[in-house]
Amino acid sequence: TTGEKDFEEFFTDNENLDMERFETVGIIKNQPN
């Protein structure tokens, strides 16, 4: 069917991440681009 992705992902390679603040939650840190 249309639009089915073969795998799941929550962020892209060019997004900056904070994986330290929380034990179970990651954060994408965005600039106002």
PDB file of all heavy atoms in Angstrom:
ATOM      1  N   THR A   1       0.819  -1.204   0.000  1.00  0.00           N
ATOM      2  CA  THR A   1       0.000   0.000   0.000  1.00  0.00           C
ATOM      3  C   THR A   1       0.857   1.261   0.000  1.00  0.00           C
ATOM      4  O   THR A   1       2.017   1.256   0.422  1.00  0.00           O
ATOM      5  CB  THR A   1      -0.949   0.027   1.207  1.00  0.00           C
ATOM      6  OG1 THR A   1      -0.197  -0.183   2.409  1.00  0.00           O
ATOM      7  CG2 THR A   1      -1.993  -1.057   1.086  1.00  0.00           C
ATOM      8  N   THR A   2       0.262   2.345  -0.459  1.00  0.00           N
ATOM      9  CA  THR A   2       0.944   3.631  -0.545  1.00  0.00           C
ATOM     10  C   THR A   2       1.411   4.106   0.827  1.00  0.00           C
ATOM     11  O   THR A   2       0.686   4.013   1.813  1.00  0.00           O
ATOM     12  CB  THR A   2      -0.012   4.681  -1.147  1.00  0.00           C
ATOM     13  OG1 THR A   2      -0.267   4.339  -2.512  1.00  0.00           O
ATOM     14  CG2 THR A   2       0.580   6.086  -1.079  1.00  0.00           C
ATOM     15  N   GLY A   3       2.646   4.615   0.849  1.00  0.00           N
ATOM     16  CA  GLY A   3       3.130   5.307   2.038  1.00  0.00           C
ATOM     17  C   GLY A   3       3.608   4.444   3.174  1.00  0.00           C
ATOM     18  O   GLY A   3       3.870   4.953   4.264  1.00  0.00           O
ATOM     19  N   GLU A   4       3.760   3.136   2.951  1.00  0.00           N
ATOM     20  CA  GLU A   4       4.237   2.263   4.017  1.00  0.00           C
ATOM     21  C   GLU A   4       5.764   2.258   4.035  1.00  0.00           C
ATOM     22  O   GLU A   4       6.410   1.964   3.035  1.00  0.00           O
ATOM     23  CB  GLU A   4       3.708   0.838   3.843  1.00  0.00           C
ATOM     24  CG  GLU A   4       2.242   0.683   4.168  1.00  0.00           C
ATOM     25  CD  GLU A   4       1.905   0.943   5.624  1.00  0.00           C
ATOM     26  OE1 GLU A   4       2.824   0.962   6.461  1.00  0.00           O
ATOM     27  OE2 GLU A   4       0.714   1.131   5.919  1.00  0.00           O
ATOM     28  N   LYS A   5       6.319   2.565   5.174  1.00  0.00           N
ATOM     29  CA  LYS A   5       7.763   2.621   5.340  1.00  0.00           C
ATOM     30  C   LYS A   5       8.269   1.247   5.793  1.00  0.00           C
ATOM     31  O   LYS A   5       7.633   0.589   6.619  1.00  0.00           O
ATOM     32  CB  LYS A   5       8.110   3.686   6.391  1.00  0.00           C
ATOM     33  CG  LYS A   5       9.449   4.351   6.221  1.00  0.00           C
ATOM     34  CD  LYS A   5       9.536   5.537   7.187  1.00  0.00           C
ATOM     35  CE  LYS A   5      10.796   6.330   6.979  1.00  0.00           C
ATOM     36  NZ  LYS A   5      10.841   7.508   7.875  1.00  0.00           N
ATOM     37  N   ASP A   6       9.416   0.844   5.272  1.00  0.00           N
ATOM     38  CA  ASP A   6       9.948  -0.475   5.616  1.00  0.00           C
ATOM     39  C   ASP A   6      10.465  -0.536   7.051  1.00  0.00           C
ATOM     40  O   ASP A   6      10.602  -1.613   7.618  1.00  0.00           O
ATOM     41  CB  ASP A   6      11.076  -0.858   4.654  1.00  0.00           C
ATOM     42  CG  ASP A   6      10.587  -0.984   3.218  1.00  0.00           C
ATOM     43  OD1 ASP A   6       9.405  -1.346   3.039  1.00  0.00           O
ATOM     44  OD2 ASP A   6      11.371  -0.717   2.294  1.00  0.00           O
ATOM     45  N   PHE A   7      10.779   0.624   7.627  1.00  0.00           N
ATOM     46  CA  PHE A   7      11.318   0.665   8.989  1.00  0.00           C
ATOM     47  C   PHE A   7      10.870   1.966   9.639  1.00  0.00           C
ATOM     48  O   PHE A   7      10.415   2.894   8.962  1.00  0.00           O
ATOM     49  CB  PHE A   7      12.850   0.586   8.969  1.00  0.00           C
ATOM     50  CG  PHE A   7      13.491   1.696   8.174  1.00  0.00           C
ATOM     51  CD1 PHE A   7      13.916   2.854   8.797  1.00  0.00           C
ATOM     52  CD2 PHE A   7      13.649   1.582   6.801  1.00  0.00           C
ATOM     53  CE1 PHE A   7      14.482   3.883   8.078  1.00  0.00           C
ATOM     54  CE2 PHE A   7      14.212   2.623   6.067  1.00  0.00           C
ATOM     55  CZ  PHE A   7      14.632   3.764   6.703  1.00  0.00           C
ATOM     56  N   GLU A   8      11.010   2.033  10.954  1.00  0.00           N
ATOM     57  CA  GLU A   8      10.606   3.212  11.701  1.00  0.00           C
ATOM     58  C   GLU A   8      11.837   3.952  12.221  1.00  0.00           C
ATOM     59  O   GLU A   8      12.832   3.331  12.605  1.00  0.00           O
ATOM     60  CB  GLU A   8       9.723   2.813  12.887  1.00  0.00           C
ATOM     61  CG  GLU A   8       8.385   2.197  12.502  1.00  0.00           C
ATOM     62  CD  GLU A   8       7.380   3.235  12.030  1.00  0.00           C
ATOM     63  OE1 GLU A   8       7.519   3.681  10.872  1.00  0.00           O
ATOM     64  OE2 GLU A   8       6.475   3.587  12.787  1.00  0.00           O
ATOM     65  N   GLU A   9      11.743   5.270  12.249  1.00  0.00           N
ATOM     66  CA  GLU A   9      12.817   6.086  12.798  1.00  0.00           C
ATOM     67  C   GLU A   9      12.207   7.344  13.412  1.00  0.00           C
ATOM     68  O   GLU A   9      11.168   7.818  12.969  1.00  0.00           O
ATOM     69  CB  GLU A   9      13.835   6.458  11.716  1.00  0.00           C
ATOM     70  CG  GLU A   9      13.223   7.147  10.505  1.00  0.00           C
ATOM     71  CD  GLU A   9      14.201   7.292   9.346  1.00  0.00           C
ATOM     72  OE1 GLU A   9      15.422   7.301   9.585  1.00  0.00           O
ATOM     73  OE2 GLU A   9      13.735   7.398   8.199  1.00  0.00           O
ATOM     74  N   PHE A  10      12.874   7.868  14.437  1.00  0.00           N
ATOM     75  CA  PHE A  10      12.354   9.037  15.144  1.00  0.00           C
ATOM     76  C   PHE A  10      13.121  10.310  14.825  1.00  0.00           C
ATOM     77  O   PHE A  10      12.658  11.402  15.132  1.00  0.00           O
ATOM     78  CB  PHE A  10      12.392   8.794  16.655  1.00  0.00           C
ATOM     79  CG  PHE A  10      11.450   7.715  17.101  1.00  0.00           C
ATOM     80  CD1 PHE A  10      11.901   6.427  17.340  1.00  0.00           C
ATOM     81  CD2 PHE A  10      10.099   7.968  17.251  1.00  0.00           C
ATOM     82  CE1 PHE A  10      11.040   5.430  17.735  1.00  0.00           C
ATOM     83  CE2 PHE A  10       9.221   6.981  17.646  1.00  0.00           C
ATOM     84  CZ  PHE A  10       9.695   5.697  17.893  1.00  0.00           C
ATOM     85  N   PHE A  11      14.284  10.179  14.235  1.00  0.00           N
ATOM     86  CA  PHE A  11      15.092  11.355  13.926  1.00  0.00           C
ATOM     87  C   PHE A  11      15.924  11.063  12.686  1.00  0.00           C
ATOM     88  O   PHE A  11      16.086   9.910  12.273  1.00  0.00           O
ATOM     89  CB  PHE A  11      15.999  11.715  15.107  1.00  0.00           C
ATOM     90  CG  PHE A  11      16.808  10.564  15.636  1.00  0.00           C
ATOM     91  CD1 PHE A  11      18.039  10.226  15.081  1.00  0.00           C
ATOM     92  CD2 PHE A  11      16.329   9.785  16.686  1.00  0.00           C
ATOM     93  CE1 PHE A  11      18.773   9.149  15.550  1.00  0.00           C
ATOM     94  CE2 PHE A  11      17.063   8.703  17.170  1.00  0.00           C
ATOM     95  CZ  PHE A  11      18.289   8.387  16.594  1.00  0.00           C
ATOM     96  N   THR A  12      16.447  12.124  12.092  1.00  0.00           N
ATOM     97  CA  THR A  12      17.255  11.988  10.886  1.00  0.00           C
ATOM     98  C   THR A  12      18.724  12.212  11.220  1.00  0.00           C
ATOM     99  O   THR A  12      19.073  12.680  12.309  1.00  0.00           O
ATOM    100  CB  THR A  12      16.804  13.002   9.817  1.00  0.00           C
ATOM    101  OG1 THR A  12      17.036  14.335  10.307  1.00  0.00           O
ATOM    102  CG2 THR A  12      15.325  12.839   9.517  1.00  0.00           C
ATOM    103  N   ASP A  13      19.581  11.914  10.264  1.00  0.00           N
ATOM    104  CA  ASP A  13      21.023  12.025  10.493  1.00  0.00           C
ATOM    105  C   ASP A  13      21.477  13.459  10.742  1.00  0.00           C
ATOM    106  O   ASP A  13      22.507  13.683  11.384  1.00  0.00           O
ATOM    107  CB  ASP A  13      21.785  11.461   9.283  1.00  0.00           C
ATOM    108  CG  ASP A  13      21.619   9.954   9.145  1.00  0.00           C
ATOM    109  OD1 ASP A  13      21.263   9.307  10.152  1.00  0.00           O
ATOM    110  OD2 ASP A  13      21.822   9.432   8.036  1.00  0.00           O
ATOM    111  N   ASN A  14      20.717  14.429  10.232  1.00  0.00           N
ATOM    112  CA  ASN A  14      21.154  15.827  10.378  1.00  0.00           C
ATOM    113  C   ASN A  14      20.467  16.560  11.530  1.00  0.00           C
ATOM    114  O   ASN A  14      20.560  17.781  11.637  1.00  0.00           O
ATOM    115  CB  ASN A  14      20.938  16.598   9.071  1.00  0.00           C
ATOM    116  CG  ASN A  14      19.491  16.599   8.627  1.00  0.00           C
ATOM    117  OD1 ASN A  14      18.637  16.029   9.296  1.00  0.00           O
ATOM    118  ND2 ASN A  14      19.208  17.234   7.498  1.00  0.00           N
ATOM    119  N   GLU A  15      19.779  15.821  12.398  1.00  0.00           N
ATOM    120  CA  GLU A  15      19.156  16.444  13.569  1.00  0.00           C
ATOM    121  C   GLU A  15      20.047  16.239  14.797  1.00  0.00           C
ATOM    122  O   GLU A  15      20.608  15.161  15.006  1.00  0.00           O
ATOM    123  CB  GLU A  15      17.759  15.859  13.809  1.00  0.00           C
ATOM    124  CG  GLU A  15      16.757  16.299  12.746  1.00  0.00           C
ATOM    125  CD  GLU A  15      15.381  15.684  12.914  1.00  0.00           C
ATOM    126  OE1 GLU A  15      15.280  14.478  13.218  1.00  0.00           O
ATOM    127  OE2 GLU A  15      14.388  16.417  12.718  1.00  0.00           O
ATOM    128  N   ASN A  16      20.172  17.297  15.612  1.00  0.00           N
ATOM    129  CA  ASN A  16      21.005  17.244  16.808  1.00  0.00           C
ATOM    130  C   ASN A  16      20.214  16.659  17.975  1.00  0.00           C
ATOM    131  O   ASN A  16      19.069  17.054  18.217  1.00  0.00           O
ATOM    132  CB  ASN A  16      21.495  18.651  17.172  1.00  0.00           C
ATOM    133  CG  ASN A  16      22.419  19.221  16.107  1.00  0.00           C
ATOM    134  OD1 ASN A  16      23.271  18.514  15.581  1.00  0.00           O
ATOM    135  ND2 ASN A  16      22.232  20.498  15.787  1.00  0.00           N
ATOM    136  N   LEU A  17      20.837  15.737  18.705  1.00  0.00           N
ATOM    137  CA  LEU A  17      20.137  15.005  19.751  1.00  0.00           C
ATOM    138  C   LEU A  17      20.735  15.266  21.125  1.00  0.00           C
ATOM    139  O   LEU A  17      21.941  15.445  21.268  1.00  0.00           O
ATOM    140  CB  LEU A  17      20.186  13.500  19.473  1.00  0.00           C
ATOM    141  CG  LEU A  17      19.701  13.013  18.107  1.00  0.00           C
ATOM    142  CD1 LEU A  17      19.821  11.501  18.028  1.00  0.00           C
ATOM    143  CD2 LEU A  17      18.270  13.462  17.844  1.00  0.00           C
ATOM    144  N   ASP A  18      19.854  15.265  22.120  1.00  0.00           N
ATOM    145  CA  ASP A  18      20.253  15.229  23.528  1.00  0.00           C
ATOM    146  C   ASP A  18      19.740  13.905  24.084  1.00  0.00           C
ATOM    147  O   ASP A  18      18.540  13.736  24.290  1.00  0.00           O
ATOM    148  CB  ASP A  18      19.645  16.414  24.282  1.00  0.00           C
ATOM    149  CG  ASP A  18      19.951  16.385  25.778  1.00  0.00           C
ATOM    150  OD1 ASP A  18      20.574  15.412  26.248  1.00  0.00           O
ATOM    151  OD2 ASP A  18      19.544  17.332  26.481  1.00  0.00           O
ATOM    152  N   MET A  19      20.670  12.985  24.323  1.00  0.00           N
ATOM    153  CA  MET A  19      20.299  11.666  24.827  1.00  0.00           C
ATOM    154  C   MET A  19      20.646  11.507  26.303  1.00  0.00           C
ATOM    155  O   MET A  19      20.577  10.395  26.847  1.00  0.00           O
ATOM    156  CB  MET A  19      21.004  10.580  24.009  1.00  0.00           C
ATOM    157  CG  MET A  19      20.705  10.631  22.519  1.00  0.00           C
ATOM    158  SD  MET A  19      18.972  10.295  22.116  1.00  0.00           S
ATOM    159  CE  MET A  19      18.949   8.503  22.252  1.00  0.00           C
ATOM    160  N   GLU A  20      20.993  12.600  26.963  1.00  0.00           N
ATOM    161  CA  GLU A  20      21.477  12.530  28.335  1.00  0.00           C
ATOM    162  C   GLU A  20      20.480  13.052  29.373  1.00  0.00           C
ATOM    163  O   GLU A  20      20.511  12.632  30.530  1.00  0.00           O
ATOM    164  CB  GLU A  20      22.784  13.319  28.468  1.00  0.00           C
ATOM    165  CG  GLU A  20      23.878  12.864  27.516  1.00  0.00           C
ATOM    166  CD  GLU A  20      24.260  11.409  27.717  1.00  0.00           C
ATOM    167  OE1 GLU A  20      24.255  10.957  28.892  1.00  0.00           O
ATOM    168  OE2 GLU A  20      24.549  10.726  26.723  1.00  0.00           O
ATOM    169  N   ARG A  21      19.611  13.977  28.990  1.00  0.00           N
ATOM    170  CA  ARG A  21      18.777  14.648  29.989  1.00  0.00           C
ATOM    171  C   ARG A  21      17.835  13.679  30.699  1.00  0.00           C
ATOM    172  O   ARG A  21      17.635  13.770  31.916  1.00  0.00           O
ATOM    173  CB  ARG A  21      17.975  15.775  29.339  1.00  0.00           C
ATOM    174  CG  ARG A  21      17.157  16.570  30.348  1.00  0.00           C
ATOM    175  CD  ARG A  21      16.372  17.697  29.711  1.00  0.00           C
ATOM    176  NE  ARG A  21      15.519  18.352  30.701  1.00  0.00           N
ATOM    177  CZ  ARG A  21      14.540  19.187  30.407  1.00  0.00           C
ATOM    178  NH1 ARG A  21      14.292  19.516  29.141  1.00  0.00           N
ATOM    179  NH2 ARG A  21      13.802  19.719  31.369  1.00  0.00           N
ATOM    180  N   PHE A  22      17.250  12.745  29.944  1.00  0.00           N
ATOM    181  CA  PHE A  22      16.302  11.792  30.515  1.00  0.00           C
ATOM    182  C   PHE A  22      16.796  10.367  30.295  1.00  0.00           C
ATOM    183  O   PHE A  22      17.522  10.087  29.338  1.00  0.00           O
ATOM    184  CB  PHE A  22      14.917  11.948  29.885  1.00  0.00           C
ATOM    185  CG  PHE A  22      14.295  13.295  30.088  1.00  0.00           C
ATOM    186  CD1 PHE A  22      14.285  14.229  29.064  1.00  0.00           C
ATOM    187  CD2 PHE A  22      13.721  13.635  31.302  1.00  0.00           C
ATOM    188  CE1 PHE A  22      13.706  15.478  29.245  1.00  0.00           C
ATOM    189  CE2 PHE A  22      13.139  14.877  31.498  1.00  0.00           C
ATOM    190  CZ  PHE A  22      13.138  15.804  30.464  1.00  0.00           C
ATOM    191  N   GLU A  23      16.362   9.484  31.158  1.00  0.00           N
ATOM    192  CA  GLU A  23      16.751   8.083  31.031  1.00  0.00           C
ATOM    193  C   GLU A  23      16.046   7.395  29.880  1.00  0.00           C
ATOM    194  O   GLU A  23      16.633   6.571  29.167  1.00  0.00           O
ATOM    195  CB  GLU A  23      16.447   7.339  32.338  1.00  0.00           C
ATOM    196  CG  GLU A  23      16.828   5.867  32.315  1.00  0.00           C
ATOM    197  CD  GLU A  23      16.478   5.142  33.596  1.00  0.00           C
ATOM    198  OE1 GLU A  23      16.182   5.813  34.610  1.00  0.00           O
ATOM    199  OE2 GLU A  23      16.495   3.896  33.591  1.00  0.00           O
ATOM    200  N   THR A  24      14.769   7.735  29.654  1.00  0.00           N
ATOM    201  CA  THR A  24      13.957   6.991  28.698  1.00  0.00           C
ATOM    202  C   THR A  24      13.521   7.809  27.491  1.00  0.00           C
ATOM    203  O   THR A  24      12.868   7.270  26.593  1.00  0.00           O
ATOM    204  CB  THR A  24      12.694   6.450  29.398  1.00  0.00           C
ATOM    205  OG1 THR A  24      11.917   7.559  29.896  1.00  0.00           O
ATOM    206  CG2 THR A  24      13.063   5.527  30.548  1.00  0.00           C
ATOM    207  N   VAL A  25      13.876   9.087  27.464  1.00  0.00           N
ATOM    208  CA  VAL A  25      13.417   9.986  26.410  1.00  0.00           C
ATOM    209  C   VAL A  25      14.614  10.664  25.760  1.00  0.00           C
ATOM    210  O   VAL A  25      15.508  11.158  26.447  1.00  0.00           O
ATOM    211  CB  VAL A  25      12.464  11.063  26.972  1.00  0.00           C
ATOM    212  CG1 VAL A  25      12.061  12.050  25.872  1.00  0.00           C
ATOM    213  CG2 VAL A  25      11.233  10.414  27.582  1.00  0.00           C
ATOM    214  N   GLY A  26      14.631  10.680  24.438  1.00  0.00           N
ATOM    215  CA  GLY A  26      15.597  11.467  23.698  1.00  0.00           C
ATOM    216  C   GLY A  26      14.971  12.777  23.255  1.00  0.00           C
ATOM    217  O   GLY A  26      13.744  12.910  23.206  1.00  0.00           O
ATOM    218  N   ILE A  27      15.810  13.756  22.931  1.00  0.00           N
ATOM    219  CA  ILE A  27      15.312  15.073  22.533  1.00  0.00           C
ATOM    220  C   ILE A  27      16.026  15.522  21.263  1.00  0.00           C
ATOM    221  O   ILE A  27      17.257  15.476  21.175  1.00  0.00           O
ATOM    222  CB  ILE A  27      15.550  16.135  23.626  1.00  0.00           C
ATOM    223  CG1 ILE A  27      14.990  15.674  24.973  1.00  0.00           C
ATOM    224  CG2 ILE A  27      14.929  17.466  23.213  1.00  0.00           C
ATOM    225  CD1 ILE A  27      15.360  16.598  26.124  1.00  0.00           C
ATOM    226  N   ILE A  28      15.251  15.948  20.275  1.00  0.00           N
ATOM    227  CA  ILE A  28      15.803  16.617  19.100  1.00  0.00           C
ATOM    228  C   ILE A  28      15.881  18.099  19.420  1.00  0.00           C
ATOM    229  O   ILE A  28      14.871  18.729  19.749  1.00  0.00           O
ATOM    230  CB  ILE A  28      14.916  16.379  17.865  1.00  0.00           C
ATOM    231  CG1 ILE A  28      14.788  14.875  17.571  1.00  0.00           C
ATOM    232  CG2 ILE A  28      15.477  17.121  16.653  1.00  0.00           C
ATOM    233  CD1 ILE A  28      13.710  14.536  16.565  1.00  0.00           C
ATOM    234  N   LYS A  29      17.085  18.659  19.363  1.00  0.00           N
ATOM    235  CA  LYS A  29      17.315  20.064  19.683  1.00  0.00           C
ATOM    236  C   LYS A  29      17.357  20.859  18.381  1.00  0.00           C
ATOM    237  O   LYS A  29      18.260  20.691  17.560  1.00  0.00           O
ATOM    238  CB  LYS A  29      18.622  20.234  20.447  1.00  0.00           C
ATOM    239  CG  LYS A  29      18.731  19.378  21.717  1.00  0.00           C
ATOM    240  CD  LYS A  29      17.717  19.776  22.763  1.00  0.00           C
ATOM    241  CE  LYS A  29      17.996  21.147  23.336  1.00  0.00           C
ATOM    242  NZ  LYS A  29      17.079  21.457  24.490  1.00  0.00           N
ATOM    243  N   ASN A  30      16.366  21.691  18.184  1.00  0.00           N
ATOM    244  CA  ASN A  30      16.228  22.417  16.925  1.00  0.00           C
ATOM    245  C   ASN A  30      16.655  23.875  17.038  1.00  0.00           C
ATOM    246  O   ASN A  30      16.461  24.514  18.077  1.00  0.00           O
ATOM    247  CB  ASN A  30      14.760  22.389  16.464  1.00  0.00           C
ATOM    248  CG  ASN A  30      14.328  21.020  15.983  1.00  0.00           C
ATOM    249  OD1 ASN A  30      14.803  20.538  14.967  1.00  0.00           O
ATOM    250  ND2 ASN A  30      13.425  20.390  16.726  1.00  0.00           N
ATOM    251  N   GLN A  31      17.219  24.373  15.969  1.00  0.00           N
ATOM    252  CA  GLN A  31      17.416  25.802  15.782  1.00  0.00           C
ATOM    253  C   GLN A  31      16.275  26.319  14.912  1.00  0.00           C
ATOM    254  O   GLN A  31      15.689  25.571  14.125  1.00  0.00           O
ATOM    255  CB  GLN A  31      18.763  26.080  15.120  1.00  0.00           C
ATOM    256  CG  GLN A  31      19.963  25.688  15.960  1.00  0.00           C
ATOM    257  CD  GLN A  31      20.006  26.436  17.283  1.00  0.00           C
ATOM    258  OE1 GLN A  31      19.797  27.654  17.322  1.00  0.00           O
ATOM    259  NE2 GLN A  31      20.251  25.713  18.370  1.00  0.00           N
ATOM    260  N   PRO A  32      15.934  27.613  15.031  1.00  0.00           N
ATOM    261  CA  PRO A  32      14.813  28.139  14.234  1.00  0.00           C
ATOM    262  C   PRO A  32      15.202  28.354  12.781  1.00  0.00           C
ATOM    263  O   PRO A  32      15.230  29.481  12.269  1.00  0.00           O
ATOM    264  CB  PRO A  32      14.484  29.457  14.947  1.00  0.00           C
ATOM    265  CG  PRO A  32      15.781  29.897  15.536  1.00  0.00           C
ATOM    266  CD  PRO A  32      16.501  28.630  15.938  1.00  0.00           C
ATOM    267  N   ASN A  33      15.493  27.235  12.105  1.00  0.00           N
ATOM    268  CA  ASN A  33      15.885  27.309  10.701  1.00  0.00           C
ATOM    269  C   ASN A  33      14.652  27.109   9.820  1.00  0.00           C
ATOM    270  O   ASN A  33      13.991  26.072   9.904  1.00  0.00           O
ATOM    271  CB  ASN A  33      16.933  26.239  10.385  1.00  0.00           C
ATOM    272  CG  ASN A  33      18.209  26.425  11.190  1.00  0.00           C
ATOM    273  OD1 ASN A  33      18.622  27.553  11.446  1.00  0.00           O
ATOM    274  ND2 ASN A  33      18.831  25.330  11.595  1.00  0.00           N
TER     275      ASN A  33
END
